[in-house]
N, C-alpha and C. Protein backbone atom coordinates (compact mmCIF):
# COMPACT_ATOMS: atom_id res chain seq x y z
N MET A 1 -5.45 -66.98 -40.89
CA MET A 1 -5.64 -66.62 -42.28
C MET A 1 -6.14 -65.19 -42.40
N LYS A 2 -7.18 -64.86 -41.60
CA LYS A 2 -7.74 -63.52 -41.66
C LYS A 2 -6.73 -62.49 -41.14
N ALA A 3 -5.95 -62.85 -40.12
CA ALA A 3 -4.94 -61.95 -39.57
C ALA A 3 -3.86 -61.66 -40.60
N ASN A 4 -3.45 -62.68 -41.37
CA ASN A 4 -2.44 -62.47 -42.42
C ASN A 4 -2.97 -61.53 -43.50
N PHE A 5 -4.24 -61.68 -43.85
CA PHE A 5 -4.84 -60.80 -44.86
C PHE A 5 -4.84 -59.34 -44.37
N ILE A 6 -5.19 -59.11 -43.11
CA ILE A 6 -5.23 -57.76 -42.56
C ILE A 6 -3.82 -57.17 -42.50
N ILE A 7 -2.84 -57.97 -42.10
CA ILE A 7 -1.45 -57.50 -42.06
C ILE A 7 -0.97 -57.15 -43.46
N ALA A 8 -1.28 -57.98 -44.44
CA ALA A 8 -0.88 -57.70 -45.82
C ALA A 8 -1.56 -56.44 -46.34
N LEU A 9 -2.83 -56.27 -46.01
CA LEU A 9 -3.57 -55.09 -46.46
C LEU A 9 -3.00 -53.81 -45.85
N VAL A 10 -2.75 -53.81 -44.56
CA VAL A 10 -2.20 -52.63 -43.88
C VAL A 10 -0.79 -52.33 -44.39
N THR A 11 0.02 -53.35 -44.59
CA THR A 11 1.37 -53.16 -45.10
C THR A 11 1.36 -52.56 -46.50
N SER A 12 0.48 -53.07 -47.36
CA SER A 12 0.42 -52.54 -48.72
C SER A 12 -0.10 -51.10 -48.72
N MET A 13 -1.05 -50.79 -47.85
CA MET A 13 -1.55 -49.41 -47.76
C MET A 13 -0.46 -48.47 -47.30
N LEU A 14 0.32 -48.88 -46.31
CA LEU A 14 1.43 -48.05 -45.84
C LEU A 14 2.48 -47.87 -46.94
N TYR A 15 2.74 -48.91 -47.68
CA TYR A 15 3.72 -48.84 -48.76
C TYR A 15 3.29 -47.84 -49.83
N PHE A 16 2.05 -47.93 -50.28
CA PHE A 16 1.58 -47.05 -51.35
C PHE A 16 1.41 -45.60 -50.90
N THR A 17 0.99 -45.38 -49.66
CA THR A 17 0.85 -43.99 -49.20
C THR A 17 2.20 -43.35 -48.94
N SER A 18 3.21 -44.12 -48.60
CA SER A 18 4.54 -43.54 -48.38
C SER A 18 5.20 -43.15 -49.68
N CYS A 19 4.77 -43.69 -50.80
CA CYS A 19 5.35 -43.37 -52.10
C CYS A 19 4.64 -42.22 -52.80
N MET A 20 3.63 -41.67 -52.17
CA MET A 20 2.89 -40.57 -52.80
C MET A 20 3.76 -39.32 -52.85
N HIS A 21 3.52 -38.48 -53.86
CA HIS A 21 4.26 -37.24 -54.03
C HIS A 21 3.72 -36.18 -53.08
N HIS A 22 4.58 -35.60 -52.30
CA HIS A 22 4.19 -34.54 -51.38
C HIS A 22 4.74 -33.22 -51.90
N THR A 23 3.91 -32.19 -51.92
CA THR A 23 4.38 -30.89 -52.39
C THR A 23 5.17 -30.21 -51.29
N SER A 24 6.14 -29.43 -51.69
CA SER A 24 6.99 -28.72 -50.75
C SER A 24 6.27 -27.48 -50.22
N LYS A 25 6.50 -27.18 -48.96
CA LYS A 25 5.92 -25.97 -48.38
C LYS A 25 6.76 -24.74 -48.73
N MET A 26 7.89 -24.92 -49.39
CA MET A 26 8.74 -23.81 -49.77
C MET A 26 8.19 -23.08 -50.99
N GLN A 27 7.27 -23.68 -51.74
CA GLN A 27 6.72 -23.07 -52.94
C GLN A 27 5.53 -22.19 -52.57
N VAL A 28 5.82 -21.05 -52.00
CA VAL A 28 4.78 -20.13 -51.58
C VAL A 28 4.87 -18.89 -52.47
N TYR A 29 3.76 -18.53 -53.06
CA TYR A 29 3.70 -17.35 -53.91
C TYR A 29 2.95 -16.26 -53.15
N HIS A 30 3.41 -15.03 -53.28
CA HIS A 30 2.82 -13.92 -52.52
C HIS A 30 1.44 -13.52 -53.03
N GLU A 31 1.19 -13.66 -54.31
CA GLU A 31 -0.09 -13.32 -54.93
C GLU A 31 -0.51 -11.89 -54.60
N ASP A 32 0.39 -10.96 -54.84
CA ASP A 32 0.17 -9.54 -54.59
C ASP A 32 -0.26 -8.85 -55.88
N SER A 33 -1.49 -8.36 -55.92
CA SER A 33 -2.00 -7.72 -57.14
C SER A 33 -1.33 -6.38 -57.42
N ALA A 34 -0.59 -5.82 -56.47
CA ALA A 34 0.15 -4.58 -56.71
C ALA A 34 1.42 -4.83 -57.52
N VAL A 35 1.85 -6.09 -57.63
CA VAL A 35 3.05 -6.44 -58.38
C VAL A 35 2.70 -6.87 -59.80
N SER A 36 1.75 -7.82 -59.92
CA SER A 36 1.36 -8.32 -61.24
C SER A 36 -0.05 -8.89 -61.16
N ASP A 37 -0.62 -9.16 -62.33
CA ASP A 37 -1.91 -9.84 -62.34
C ASP A 37 -1.68 -11.34 -62.25
N SER A 38 -2.74 -12.12 -62.25
CA SER A 38 -2.60 -13.57 -62.07
C SER A 38 -1.94 -14.26 -63.27
N TYR A 39 -1.79 -13.56 -64.39
CA TYR A 39 -1.10 -14.11 -65.56
C TYR A 39 0.38 -13.74 -65.59
N GLY A 40 0.85 -12.99 -64.59
CA GLY A 40 2.25 -12.63 -64.51
C GLY A 40 2.61 -11.32 -65.17
N THR A 41 1.64 -10.61 -65.75
CA THR A 41 1.92 -9.33 -66.40
C THR A 41 2.17 -8.27 -65.33
N PRO A 42 3.33 -7.60 -65.38
CA PRO A 42 3.65 -6.60 -64.35
C PRO A 42 2.70 -5.40 -64.41
N VAL A 43 2.49 -4.77 -63.26
CA VAL A 43 1.59 -3.63 -63.16
C VAL A 43 2.17 -2.41 -63.87
N ASP A 44 3.45 -2.13 -63.64
CA ASP A 44 4.09 -0.99 -64.30
C ASP A 44 5.59 -1.23 -64.43
N SER A 45 6.30 -0.24 -64.95
CA SER A 45 7.74 -0.40 -65.21
C SER A 45 8.58 -0.41 -63.95
N LEU A 46 8.02 -0.04 -62.81
CA LEU A 46 8.76 -0.05 -61.55
C LEU A 46 8.60 -1.37 -60.79
N THR A 47 7.96 -2.33 -61.40
CA THR A 47 7.73 -3.63 -60.76
C THR A 47 9.05 -4.35 -60.53
N ASN A 48 9.22 -4.87 -59.31
CA ASN A 48 10.38 -5.71 -59.01
C ASN A 48 10.02 -7.14 -59.35
N TYR A 49 10.81 -7.76 -60.19
CA TYR A 49 10.57 -9.14 -60.60
C TYR A 49 11.05 -10.13 -59.55
N PHE A 50 11.78 -9.67 -58.57
CA PHE A 50 12.37 -10.53 -57.55
C PHE A 50 11.89 -10.09 -56.17
N LEU A 51 11.90 -10.99 -55.23
CA LEU A 51 11.43 -10.71 -53.88
C LEU A 51 12.49 -9.95 -53.08
N PHE A 52 12.04 -9.05 -52.20
CA PHE A 52 12.95 -8.32 -51.32
C PHE A 52 13.55 -9.26 -50.28
N THR A 53 12.69 -10.08 -49.70
CA THR A 53 13.13 -11.04 -48.68
C THR A 53 12.47 -12.39 -48.94
N ILE A 54 13.12 -13.41 -48.46
CA ILE A 54 12.59 -14.77 -48.54
C ILE A 54 12.45 -15.29 -47.11
N LYS A 55 11.31 -15.86 -46.79
CA LYS A 55 11.10 -16.43 -45.46
C LYS A 55 11.70 -17.83 -45.43
N PHE A 56 12.65 -18.05 -44.52
CA PHE A 56 13.34 -19.33 -44.41
C PHE A 56 13.46 -19.67 -42.93
N ASN A 57 12.86 -20.77 -42.52
CA ASN A 57 12.87 -21.20 -41.11
C ASN A 57 12.39 -20.08 -40.19
N ASP A 58 11.28 -19.45 -40.54
CA ASP A 58 10.67 -18.37 -39.77
C ASP A 58 11.55 -17.13 -39.63
N LYS A 59 12.54 -16.97 -40.52
CA LYS A 59 13.38 -15.78 -40.53
C LYS A 59 13.32 -15.17 -41.92
N ASN A 60 13.35 -13.85 -42.00
CA ASN A 60 13.40 -13.17 -43.28
C ASN A 60 14.85 -12.99 -43.69
N VAL A 61 15.20 -13.48 -44.87
CA VAL A 61 16.56 -13.40 -45.38
C VAL A 61 16.56 -12.43 -46.56
N SER A 62 17.46 -11.45 -46.53
CA SER A 62 17.55 -10.47 -47.60
C SER A 62 18.10 -11.12 -48.87
N THR A 63 17.61 -10.66 -50.03
CA THR A 63 18.02 -11.25 -51.30
C THR A 63 18.98 -10.37 -52.10
N GLY A 64 19.40 -9.22 -51.59
CA GLY A 64 20.30 -8.34 -52.32
C GLY A 64 19.59 -7.60 -53.44
N ILE A 65 18.56 -6.87 -53.09
CA ILE A 65 17.67 -6.25 -54.07
C ILE A 65 18.38 -5.21 -54.93
N ASP A 66 19.52 -4.69 -54.52
CA ASP A 66 20.18 -3.66 -55.31
C ASP A 66 20.56 -4.16 -56.71
N THR A 67 20.97 -5.39 -56.83
CA THR A 67 21.28 -5.94 -58.16
C THR A 67 20.03 -6.38 -58.89
N PHE A 68 19.03 -6.83 -58.17
CA PHE A 68 17.82 -7.33 -58.81
C PHE A 68 17.03 -6.21 -59.49
N ASN A 69 17.11 -4.98 -58.98
CA ASN A 69 16.44 -3.86 -59.65
C ASN A 69 16.98 -3.68 -61.06
N PHE A 70 18.27 -3.86 -61.23
CA PHE A 70 18.90 -3.74 -62.54
C PHE A 70 18.33 -4.77 -63.51
N TYR A 71 18.16 -6.00 -63.07
CA TYR A 71 17.61 -7.06 -63.92
C TYR A 71 16.13 -6.82 -64.23
N SER A 72 15.39 -6.28 -63.27
CA SER A 72 13.96 -6.02 -63.48
C SER A 72 13.71 -5.03 -64.61
N ILE A 73 14.60 -4.06 -64.76
CA ILE A 73 14.46 -3.08 -65.85
C ILE A 73 14.50 -3.79 -67.19
N TYR A 74 15.43 -4.71 -67.36
CA TYR A 74 15.56 -5.42 -68.63
C TYR A 74 14.41 -6.41 -68.85
N LEU A 75 13.98 -7.07 -67.79
CA LEU A 75 12.87 -8.02 -67.93
C LEU A 75 11.58 -7.30 -68.33
N TYR A 76 11.36 -6.11 -67.79
CA TYR A 76 10.17 -5.35 -68.17
C TYR A 76 10.27 -4.90 -69.63
N ALA A 77 11.45 -4.45 -70.04
CA ALA A 77 11.64 -4.01 -71.43
C ALA A 77 11.44 -5.15 -72.42
N LEU A 78 11.73 -6.38 -72.00
CA LEU A 78 11.55 -7.56 -72.86
C LEU A 78 10.15 -8.16 -72.75
N ASN A 79 9.25 -7.49 -72.03
CA ASN A 79 7.86 -7.95 -71.84
C ASN A 79 7.78 -9.34 -71.21
N GLU A 80 8.65 -9.60 -70.25
CA GLU A 80 8.64 -10.89 -69.55
C GLU A 80 7.64 -10.87 -68.41
N LYS A 81 7.19 -12.04 -68.01
CA LYS A 81 6.23 -12.18 -66.92
C LYS A 81 6.96 -12.24 -65.57
N VAL A 82 6.27 -11.84 -64.52
CA VAL A 82 6.80 -11.95 -63.16
C VAL A 82 6.55 -13.38 -62.70
N LEU A 83 7.61 -14.13 -62.42
CA LEU A 83 7.47 -15.54 -62.06
C LEU A 83 7.35 -15.76 -60.55
N SER A 84 7.69 -14.76 -59.75
CA SER A 84 7.74 -14.97 -58.30
C SER A 84 6.46 -14.56 -57.57
N ASN A 85 5.44 -14.08 -58.25
CA ASN A 85 4.26 -13.57 -57.58
C ASN A 85 3.09 -14.55 -57.59
N TYR A 86 2.74 -15.11 -58.73
CA TYR A 86 1.66 -16.09 -58.87
C TYR A 86 2.22 -17.34 -59.54
N TYR A 87 1.62 -18.49 -59.23
CA TYR A 87 1.96 -19.71 -59.97
C TYR A 87 1.23 -19.64 -61.30
N LEU A 88 1.95 -19.76 -62.40
CA LEU A 88 1.40 -19.53 -63.73
C LEU A 88 0.93 -20.80 -64.43
N GLY A 89 0.69 -21.87 -63.69
CA GLY A 89 0.10 -23.07 -64.27
C GLY A 89 1.09 -24.15 -64.66
N HIS A 90 2.37 -23.81 -64.75
CA HIS A 90 3.39 -24.80 -65.07
C HIS A 90 4.75 -24.25 -64.65
N ASP A 91 5.76 -25.11 -64.64
CA ASP A 91 7.11 -24.70 -64.25
C ASP A 91 7.75 -23.89 -65.36
N GLN A 92 8.46 -22.83 -64.97
CA GLN A 92 9.15 -21.99 -65.95
C GLN A 92 10.54 -21.67 -65.41
N TYR A 93 11.52 -21.76 -66.29
CA TYR A 93 12.90 -21.44 -65.96
C TYR A 93 13.38 -20.40 -66.95
N ARG A 94 13.80 -19.25 -66.43
CA ARG A 94 14.16 -18.15 -67.32
C ARG A 94 15.66 -17.88 -67.23
N PHE A 95 16.27 -17.66 -68.39
CA PHE A 95 17.68 -17.29 -68.50
C PHE A 95 17.75 -15.92 -69.15
N LEU A 96 18.41 -14.98 -68.50
CA LEU A 96 18.55 -13.62 -69.01
C LEU A 96 20.00 -13.40 -69.38
N LEU A 97 20.25 -13.12 -70.66
CA LEU A 97 21.61 -12.86 -71.13
C LEU A 97 21.75 -11.37 -71.38
N LEU A 98 22.55 -10.71 -70.56
CA LEU A 98 22.83 -9.29 -70.73
C LEU A 98 24.20 -9.17 -71.38
N ARG A 99 24.18 -8.82 -72.65
CA ARG A 99 25.42 -8.77 -73.42
C ARG A 99 25.91 -7.33 -73.51
N SER A 100 27.22 -7.14 -73.59
CA SER A 100 27.81 -5.80 -73.57
C SER A 100 27.47 -4.98 -74.80
N PHE A 101 27.61 -5.55 -75.98
CA PHE A 101 27.47 -4.77 -77.21
C PHE A 101 26.28 -5.19 -78.06
N ASP A 102 25.46 -6.08 -77.57
CA ASP A 102 24.28 -6.54 -78.30
C ASP A 102 23.06 -6.44 -77.38
N PRO A 103 21.87 -6.44 -77.96
CA PRO A 103 20.66 -6.36 -77.13
C PRO A 103 20.54 -7.58 -76.20
N PRO A 104 19.87 -7.42 -75.05
CA PRO A 104 19.69 -8.54 -74.12
C PRO A 104 18.75 -9.60 -74.71
N ILE A 105 18.89 -10.82 -74.21
CA ILE A 105 18.06 -11.94 -74.65
C ILE A 105 17.48 -12.62 -73.41
N ALA A 106 16.19 -12.91 -73.45
CA ALA A 106 15.55 -13.69 -72.40
C ALA A 106 15.06 -14.99 -73.02
N VAL A 107 15.47 -16.11 -72.45
CA VAL A 107 15.06 -17.43 -72.92
C VAL A 107 14.30 -18.10 -71.77
N THR A 108 13.09 -18.57 -72.04
CA THR A 108 12.28 -19.21 -71.01
C THR A 108 11.99 -20.65 -71.40
N LEU A 109 12.32 -21.57 -70.50
CA LEU A 109 12.05 -22.99 -70.68
C LEU A 109 10.79 -23.32 -69.88
N HIS A 110 9.78 -23.86 -70.55
CA HIS A 110 8.51 -24.21 -69.92
C HIS A 110 8.40 -25.73 -69.80
N ARG A 111 7.81 -26.19 -68.69
CA ARG A 111 7.59 -27.62 -68.50
C ARG A 111 6.23 -27.82 -67.85
N LYS A 112 5.38 -28.58 -68.54
CA LYS A 112 4.06 -28.92 -68.00
C LYS A 112 3.87 -30.41 -68.20
N GLY A 113 4.02 -31.16 -67.11
CA GLY A 113 3.93 -32.62 -67.22
C GLY A 113 5.07 -33.15 -68.06
N SER A 114 4.76 -33.85 -69.14
CA SER A 114 5.80 -34.39 -70.02
C SER A 114 6.09 -33.45 -71.19
N GLU A 115 5.35 -32.34 -71.29
CA GLU A 115 5.59 -31.38 -72.37
C GLU A 115 6.67 -30.38 -71.96
N VAL A 116 7.56 -30.07 -72.90
CA VAL A 116 8.61 -29.08 -72.68
C VAL A 116 8.68 -28.21 -73.91
N TRP A 117 8.73 -26.88 -73.72
CA TRP A 117 8.89 -25.98 -74.86
C TRP A 117 9.74 -24.78 -74.45
N LEU A 118 10.25 -24.09 -75.45
CA LEU A 118 11.21 -23.01 -75.25
C LEU A 118 10.69 -21.75 -75.93
N ASN A 119 10.77 -20.62 -75.24
CA ASN A 119 10.45 -19.32 -75.82
C ASN A 119 11.69 -18.45 -75.76
N ALA A 120 11.97 -17.77 -76.84
CA ALA A 120 13.13 -16.86 -76.84
C ALA A 120 12.71 -15.52 -77.38
């Protein structure tokens, strides 16, 4: 009887701990104060909003910074926050629309728990 109780207890503990949410080690922020402050506000107009390299399996992979500099100019002009330097307290997804004959538009989708809101 006591052995069955211990087996049931250990099994249930293993079941519940295996279902716990584990955070990914891929979500690493550089937290460089030369790029932005902890609220995501860029230091100056030369700030790169994107990373030069990404560390993947202990190797540095280039991200093609030549095109990203072009996007950073528009993001700074639109007063957007740097999303790749510090974690800003919730998930944010940004869409940048660069239109040929009209001004650019930045749309940011925010998600914090069950709350979702949109900034344009």
